[in-house]
Amino acid sequence: MHHPTRRTLLAGAAATLLPAPALHAQSGALRLKCGVVTPDSHPATIRLREAAYRVAKETNGAVEVAVFPNGQLGSDTDMLSQLRSGALEMFAQSSSNLATLVPRASLINIAFAWSGYDKVWPAVDGELGAYIRGEIAKAGLVPFERMWDNGFRQTTTSTRPIRGPADFEGVKLRVPNSALFTSAFRALGAAPVALNFSEAYSALQTKVVDGQENPLAIITSFKLAEVQKYLSFTNHIWDGFWLMSGNRTWSRLPEDAKAVLTRHFNAAALDQRQDIASQGVAMRDALGKAGFAINDAPAAPFQDKLRSAGFYTEWKGKYGAEAWTHLEKFAGAVS
């Protein structure tokens, strides 16, 4: 295996990076910034930093990636704008939020489409993932091949547990700024409120909204048991993070640097998936001990409600037959 040396990487950087002010060598190193909204304790943040460490180690410090968690560089919307302009070199964003720019990125977020990870990972590592990466590329972004796990999303509320579709009726539910999420919960009878997640805790605390929905790692990391009473395992949507660069950045990186970044960050994504999988039972137990009243909610009644409301028909029309075929090849019949 060819291992790039500090000299070859910096020689490439000198040749290709001088015209690009966002990419610069300081103290002999190529420094890149990576933004993410997850906190320090989240498996995504931990593995991003681990990959950054390995990149620096392999390149003898010639390539350094500084990871900025917890939305330090701005909201999802802010960082996506920075990524496109070249002011930010790397960014990990969920499909649901990325859909504001790349509508078909949310194809994997169709409500109650996935029965488990045995279907999710073959899809995103295969044909469905390749299709979505092609859509992301059309927007001037460069997605890494391996997707990171954000997990199956569960519902928390302060008013009542969610055991079936009727329990959503009238619930003011914080959702991401995603037309798909808003559509799904409106079809289920809820009153969805789109907010950046940075505003969610305060909105829950002040009862501006009754509840929210997120994967267990987010519910745990942000200590939502402090402001919510019920945790319902609805498993309604699976979501993941795409780690991306922008064309302006990626096209100016030396080829050796691209190879090292790609190898270590793709490997870190696979490790992070295992983290989420192994922590699931422990997180559920811990959230119960933190004060949540926990219940499970079977998927079939929710699927029936969405089907009768025309949700699947509507979104199949919006994504188009080709995209829907990619989804159903792995998820099974949805509509």
Protein backbone atom coordinates (compact mmCIF):
# COMPACT_ATOMS: atom_id res chain seq x y z
CA MET A 1 0.00 0.00 0.00
CA HIS A 2 1.25 3.47 -0.86
CA HIS A 3 1.45 5.73 2.18
CA PRO A 4 1.70 9.42 1.33
CA THR A 5 4.53 11.26 3.00
CA ARG A 6 4.42 14.71 4.48
CA ARG A 7 6.57 15.91 1.58
CA THR A 8 4.32 14.54 -1.19
CA LEU A 9 1.17 15.85 0.45
CA LEU A 10 2.58 19.31 1.01
CA ALA A 11 4.02 19.40 -2.49
CA GLY A 12 0.56 18.66 -3.82
CA ALA A 13 -0.95 21.23 -1.53
CA ALA A 14 1.49 23.88 -2.71
CA ALA A 15 0.64 23.15 -6.31
CA THR A 16 -3.12 23.06 -5.95
CA LEU A 17 -4.16 25.02 -2.90
CA LEU A 18 -2.53 28.42 -3.29
CA PRO A 19 -5.48 29.90 -5.25
CA ALA A 20 -7.96 28.74 -2.61
CA PRO A 21 -8.04 30.94 0.50
CA ALA A 22 -10.20 28.49 2.51
CA LEU A 23 -7.55 25.79 2.18
CA HIS A 24 -4.23 26.81 3.54
CA ALA A 25 -1.05 25.41 4.97
CA GLN A 26 -0.24 26.83 8.39
CA SER A 27 2.85 25.63 10.22
CA GLY A 28 3.40 23.18 7.38
CA ALA A 29 0.00 21.52 7.63
CA LEU A 30 -3.11 21.44 5.48
CA ARG A 31 -5.91 22.35 7.89
CA LEU A 32 -9.54 21.45 7.27
CA LYS A 33 -12.62 22.16 9.38
CA CYS A 34 -15.41 19.61 9.87
CA GLY A 35 -18.73 20.71 11.36
CA VAL A 36 -21.47 18.60 12.93
CA VAL A 37 -24.46 19.34 15.16
CA THR A 38 -24.00 16.30 17.43
CA PRO A 39 -22.48 16.89 20.88
CA ASP A 40 -19.10 15.66 22.15
CA SER A 41 -20.60 12.51 23.64
CA HIS A 42 -22.36 11.35 20.47
CA PRO A 43 -20.80 8.36 18.65
CA ALA A 44 -20.65 10.39 15.42
CA THR A 45 -18.54 13.12 17.02
CA ILE A 46 -16.29 10.59 18.73
CA ARG A 47 -15.63 8.65 15.52
CA LEU A 48 -15.13 11.81 13.43
CA ARG A 49 -12.40 12.88 15.85
CA GLU A 50 -10.88 9.41 15.78
CA ALA A 51 -10.71 9.51 11.98
CA ALA A 52 -9.16 12.98 12.13
CA TYR A 53 -6.51 11.65 14.50
CA ARG A 54 -5.71 8.76 12.16
CA VAL A 55 -5.45 11.08 9.16
CA ALA A 56 -2.99 13.30 11.02
CA LYS A 57 -1.00 10.30 12.19
CA GLU A 58 -0.73 8.69 8.75
CA THR A 59 0.30 11.95 7.12
CA ASN A 60 2.71 12.89 9.91
CA GLY A 61 0.63 16.00 10.56
CA ALA A 62 0.54 17.15 6.93
CA VAL A 63 -3.27 16.95 6.89
CA GLU A 64 -5.21 18.03 9.97
CA VAL A 65 -8.98 17.94 10.39
CA ALA A 66 -10.47 19.95 13.26
CA VAL A 67 -13.90 18.67 14.28
CA PHE A 68 -16.38 21.26 15.60
CA PRO A 69 -19.36 19.53 17.30
CA ASN A 70 -22.58 20.75 18.84
CA GLY A 71 -23.30 23.27 16.09
CA GLN A 72 -20.33 25.45 17.06
CA LEU A 73 -20.03 26.64 13.45
CA GLY A 74 -23.75 27.32 13.10
CA SER A 75 -27.00 25.51 12.42
CA ASP A 76 -27.40 22.80 9.79
CA THR A 77 -28.55 25.47 7.36
CA ASP A 78 -25.58 27.71 8.16
CA MET A 79 -23.00 24.95 7.77
CA LEU A 80 -24.49 23.70 4.51
CA SER A 81 -24.16 27.22 3.12
CA GLN A 82 -20.56 27.42 4.35
CA LEU A 83 -19.79 24.05 2.78
CA ARG A 84 -21.12 25.14 -0.61
CA SER A 85 -19.16 28.40 -0.51
CA GLY A 86 -15.90 26.70 0.49
CA ALA A 87 -15.74 28.41 3.91
CA LEU A 88 -16.21 24.99 5.56
CA GLU A 89 -14.33 21.98 4.18
CA MET A 90 -16.33 19.05 5.64
CA PHE A 91 -19.80 18.69 7.15
CA ALA A 92 -21.87 15.75 8.41
CA GLN A 93 -25.57 16.39 7.81
CA SER A 94 -28.63 14.18 8.18
CA SER A 95 -30.60 13.24 5.09
CA SER A 96 -33.69 14.90 6.48
CA ASN A 97 -31.97 18.29 6.70
CA LEU A 98 -30.01 17.86 3.48
CA ALA A 99 -33.33 17.45 1.68
CA THR A 100 -33.85 21.22 1.82
CA LEU A 101 -31.20 21.38 -0.92
CA VAL A 102 -31.36 17.86 -2.36
CA PRO A 103 -35.02 16.75 -2.20
CA ARG A 104 -34.36 13.10 -3.05
CA ALA A 105 -31.89 12.80 -0.16
CA SER A 106 -34.95 12.23 2.04
CA LEU A 107 -36.00 9.16 0.04
CA ILE A 108 -34.55 6.99 2.80
CA ASN A 109 -36.71 8.86 5.34
CA ILE A 110 -40.07 7.59 4.09
CA ALA A 111 -42.10 6.89 7.22
CA PHE A 112 -42.32 3.24 8.28
CA ALA A 113 -40.51 2.06 5.13
CA TRP A 114 -37.74 0.17 6.96
CA SER A 115 -38.32 -2.85 9.16
CA GLY A 116 -34.71 -3.01 10.35
CA TYR A 117 -31.01 -2.55 9.66
CA ASP A 118 -30.90 -5.80 7.70
CA LYS A 119 -32.58 -3.82 4.93
CA VAL A 120 -31.14 -0.35 5.59
CA TRP A 121 -27.43 -1.07 5.20
CA PRO A 122 -27.59 -3.11 1.97
CA ALA A 123 -29.66 -0.26 0.53
CA VAL A 124 -27.47 2.69 1.51
CA ASP A 125 -24.23 0.81 0.77
CA GLY A 126 -25.62 -0.33 -2.56
CA GLU A 127 -27.84 0.92 -5.34
CA LEU A 128 -30.06 3.24 -3.30
CA GLY A 129 -27.08 4.98 -1.68
CA ALA A 130 -25.35 5.38 -5.04
CA TYR A 131 -28.50 6.93 -6.49
CA ILE A 132 -28.76 9.46 -3.64
CA ARG A 133 -25.06 10.31 -3.83
CA GLY A 134 -25.59 11.09 -7.49
CA GLU A 135 -28.37 13.50 -6.54
CA ILE A 136 -26.12 15.13 -3.92
CA ALA A 137 -23.34 15.53 -6.48
CA LYS A 138 -25.71 17.44 -8.76
CA ALA A 139 -25.92 20.10 -6.02
CA GLY A 140 -22.15 20.67 -6.09
CA LEU A 141 -21.35 18.53 -3.07
CA VAL A 142 -19.05 15.52 -2.68
CA PRO A 143 -20.48 12.85 -0.36
CA PHE A 144 -18.26 10.20 1.16
CA GLU A 145 -19.32 6.69 0.20
CA ARG A 146 -20.21 5.31 3.64
CA MET A 147 -23.19 6.74 5.44
CA TRP A 148 -23.17 7.32 9.20
CA ASP A 149 -26.00 6.09 11.42
CA ASN A 150 -28.36 8.58 12.99
CA GLY A 151 -30.66 5.75 14.02
CA PHE A 152 -34.34 4.89 13.97
CA ARG A 153 -36.31 7.80 15.31
CA GLN A 154 -38.50 7.53 18.41
CA THR A 155 -41.13 9.88 19.83
CA THR A 156 -41.03 11.72 23.16
CA THR A 157 -43.90 13.71 24.63
CA SER A 158 -44.89 15.51 27.81
CA THR A 159 -48.62 14.90 27.40
CA ARG A 160 -49.28 11.20 26.70
CA PRO A 161 -47.56 8.10 25.32
CA ILE A 162 -47.88 7.32 21.61
CA ARG A 163 -49.27 3.81 21.27
CA GLY A 164 -51.17 4.24 18.01
CA PRO A 165 -52.05 6.89 15.39
CA ALA A 166 -54.90 8.32 17.47
CA ASP A 167 -52.41 9.37 20.16
CA PHE A 168 -50.78 11.81 17.73
CA GLU A 169 -54.02 13.74 17.33
CA GLY A 170 -53.36 17.42 18.09
CA VAL A 171 -49.88 16.86 19.53
CA LYS A 172 -47.58 19.82 18.82
CA LEU A 173 -44.48 17.96 17.69
CA ARG A 174 -41.09 19.49 16.92
CA VAL A 175 -39.78 18.13 13.61
CA PRO A 176 -36.79 18.99 11.40
CA ASN A 177 -37.22 21.54 8.65
CA SER A 178 -38.32 18.82 6.26
CA ALA A 179 -41.42 18.76 4.07
CA LEU A 180 -41.46 14.96 4.32
CA PHE A 181 -41.52 14.93 8.13
CA THR A 182 -44.16 17.63 8.25
CA SER A 183 -46.29 15.74 5.73
CA ALA A 184 -45.99 12.42 7.58
CA PHE A 185 -46.95 13.75 11.00
CA ARG A 186 -49.75 15.89 9.65
CA ALA A 187 -51.15 12.77 7.97
CA LEU A 188 -50.96 11.02 11.37
CA GLY A 189 -53.00 13.81 12.96
CA ALA A 190 -50.22 15.68 14.77
CA ALA A 191 -49.48 19.42 14.56
CA PRO A 192 -45.83 19.42 13.39
CA VAL A 193 -43.67 22.45 14.17
CA ALA A 194 -40.44 22.76 12.14
CA LEU A 195 -37.53 24.02 14.28
CA ASN A 196 -33.76 23.77 14.16
CA PHE A 197 -32.71 21.28 16.80
CA SER A 198 -30.75 23.99 18.60
CA GLU A 199 -34.14 25.45 19.54
CA ALA A 200 -35.81 22.16 20.50
CA TYR A 201 -34.86 21.87 24.18
CA SER A 202 -36.08 25.37 24.98
CA ALA A 203 -39.30 24.80 23.04
CA LEU A 204 -39.96 21.60 25.02
CA GLN A 205 -39.07 23.19 28.31
CA THR A 206 -41.43 26.15 27.79
CA LYS A 207 -44.21 23.94 26.35
CA VAL A 208 -44.16 25.70 23.01
CA VAL A 209 -44.28 22.13 21.69
CA ASP A 210 -45.52 18.97 23.39
CA GLY A 211 -42.95 16.59 22.03
CA GLN A 212 -40.27 15.78 19.52
CA GLU A 213 -38.87 12.79 17.64
CA ASN A 214 -35.23 11.71 17.34
CA PRO A 215 -32.96 8.68 17.60
CA LEU A 216 -31.98 7.42 21.05
CA ALA A 217 -28.44 8.80 20.83
CA ILE A 218 -29.81 12.33 20.38
CA ILE A 219 -32.46 11.89 23.09
CA THR A 220 -29.71 10.69 25.43
CA SER A 221 -27.00 13.20 24.50
CA PHE A 222 -29.29 16.20 24.88
CA LYS A 223 -30.85 14.97 28.15
CA LEU A 224 -34.42 15.27 26.91
CA ALA A 225 -35.65 13.27 29.92
CA GLU A 226 -35.35 16.56 31.79
CA VAL A 227 -38.17 18.09 29.76
CA GLN A 228 -40.20 15.07 28.53
CA LYS A 229 -42.14 12.31 30.28
CA TYR A 230 -42.96 9.62 27.72
CA LEU A 231 -40.69 7.77 25.30
CA SER A 232 -42.53 5.77 22.65
CA PHE A 233 -40.60 3.38 20.43
CA THR A 234 -42.35 4.20 17.18
CA ASN A 235 -39.33 3.50 14.92
CA HIS A 236 -41.14 5.70 12.43
CA ILE A 237 -38.22 6.94 10.32
CA TRP A 238 -34.62 5.86 9.85
CA ASP A 239 -32.10 8.59 9.19
CA GLY A 240 -28.37 8.80 8.63
CA PHE A 241 -25.63 11.38 8.18
CA TRP A 242 -23.86 12.07 4.91
CA LEU A 243 -20.32 13.30 5.48
CA MET A 244 -19.65 15.72 2.65
CA SER A 245 -17.18 18.15 1.18
CA GLY A 246 -17.92 20.77 -1.44
CA ASN A 247 -16.71 20.81 -5.02
CA ARG A 248 -14.73 24.01 -4.40
CA THR A 249 -12.81 22.32 -1.61
CA TRP A 250 -12.49 18.77 -2.92
CA SER A 251 -11.32 19.74 -6.40
CA ARG A 252 -8.35 21.61 -4.89
CA LEU A 253 -7.19 18.90 -2.51
CA PRO A 254 -4.10 16.83 -3.45
CA GLU A 255 -4.98 13.32 -4.58
CA ASP A 256 -2.97 11.76 -1.73
CA ALA A 257 -4.94 13.82 0.79
CA LYS A 258 -8.25 12.75 -0.76
CA ALA A 259 -7.25 9.08 -0.52
CA VAL A 260 -6.27 9.32 3.14
CA LEU A 261 -9.39 11.26 4.09
CA THR A 262 -11.65 8.88 2.19
CA ARG A 263 -10.15 5.75 3.70
CA HIS A 264 -10.23 6.84 7.32
CA PHE A 265 -13.58 8.61 7.36
CA ASN A 266 -15.33 5.76 5.54
CA ALA A 267 -13.84 3.30 8.04
CA ALA A 268 -14.98 5.52 10.91
CA ALA A 269 -18.54 5.49 9.56
CA LEU A 270 -18.60 1.68 9.76
CA ASP A 271 -17.27 1.81 13.33
CA GLN A 272 -19.89 4.38 14.29
CA ARG A 273 -22.66 2.14 12.96
CA GLN A 274 -21.47 -0.58 15.31
CA ASP A 275 -21.44 1.91 18.19
CA ILE A 276 -25.11 2.77 17.65
CA ALA A 277 -26.04 -0.90 17.33
CA SER A 278 -24.22 -1.95 20.49
CA GLN A 279 -25.50 0.95 22.59
CA GLY A 280 -29.20 0.59 21.78
CA VAL A 281 -30.27 -1.66 24.68
CA ALA A 282 -28.11 0.22 27.18
CA MET A 283 -29.51 3.59 26.09
CA ARG A 284 -33.08 2.34 26.42
CA ASP A 285 -32.38 1.14 29.95
CA ALA A 286 -30.60 4.36 30.86
CA LEU A 287 -33.45 6.50 29.55
CA GLY A 288 -35.90 4.52 31.66
CA LYS A 289 -33.75 5.14 34.71
CA ALA A 290 -33.57 8.82 33.77
CA GLY A 291 -37.34 9.06 34.23
CA PHE A 292 -38.97 8.21 30.91
CA ALA A 293 -42.08 6.05 30.86
CA ILE A 294 -41.30 3.76 27.92
CA ASN A 295 -43.63 1.87 25.58
CA ASP A 296 -43.42 0.10 22.22
CA ALA A 297 -45.74 0.97 19.33
CA PRO A 298 -46.34 -1.51 16.47
CA ALA A 299 -45.81 -0.12 12.97
CA ALA A 300 -48.82 -1.57 11.11
CA PRO A 301 -51.53 0.83 12.40
CA PHE A 302 -49.36 3.85 11.53
CA GLN A 303 -48.68 2.47 8.04
CA ASP A 304 -52.40 1.91 7.50
CA LYS A 305 -53.16 5.47 8.61
CA LEU A 306 -50.55 6.94 6.24
CA ARG A 307 -51.76 4.76 3.39
CA SER A 308 -55.38 5.81 3.84
CA ALA A 309 -54.33 9.46 4.07
CA GLY A 310 -52.59 9.22 0.67
CA PHE A 311 -49.14 9.91 2.12
CA TYR A 312 -47.31 7.20 0.17
CA THR A 313 -49.06 7.99 -3.10
CA GLU A 314 -48.21 11.68 -2.72
CA TRP A 315 -44.52 11.11 -2.07
CA LYS A 316 -44.12 8.46 -4.73
CA GLY A 317 -45.35 11.10 -7.16
CA LYS A 318 -42.93 13.71 -5.81
CA TYR A 319 -39.84 11.48 -5.93
CA GLY A 320 -40.71 9.88 -9.25
CA ALA A 321 -41.03 6.26 -10.33
CA GLU A 322 -37.27 5.70 -10.74
CA ALA A 323 -36.43 6.84 -7.22
CA TRP A 324 -39.33 4.89 -5.71
CA THR A 325 -38.19 1.73 -7.49
CA HIS A 326 -34.75 2.06 -5.88
CA LEU A 327 -36.42 2.37 -2.47
CA GLU A 328 -38.79 -0.58 -2.82
CA LYS A 329 -36.07 -2.83 -4.20
CA PHE A 330 -34.58 -2.87 -0.70
CA ALA A 331 -37.39 -1.82 1.65
CA GLY A 332 -40.09 -3.93 0.04
CA ALA A 333 -43.50 -2.67 -1.08
CA VAL A 334 -44.22 0.62 0.63
CA SER A 335 -47.19 2.28 -1.05
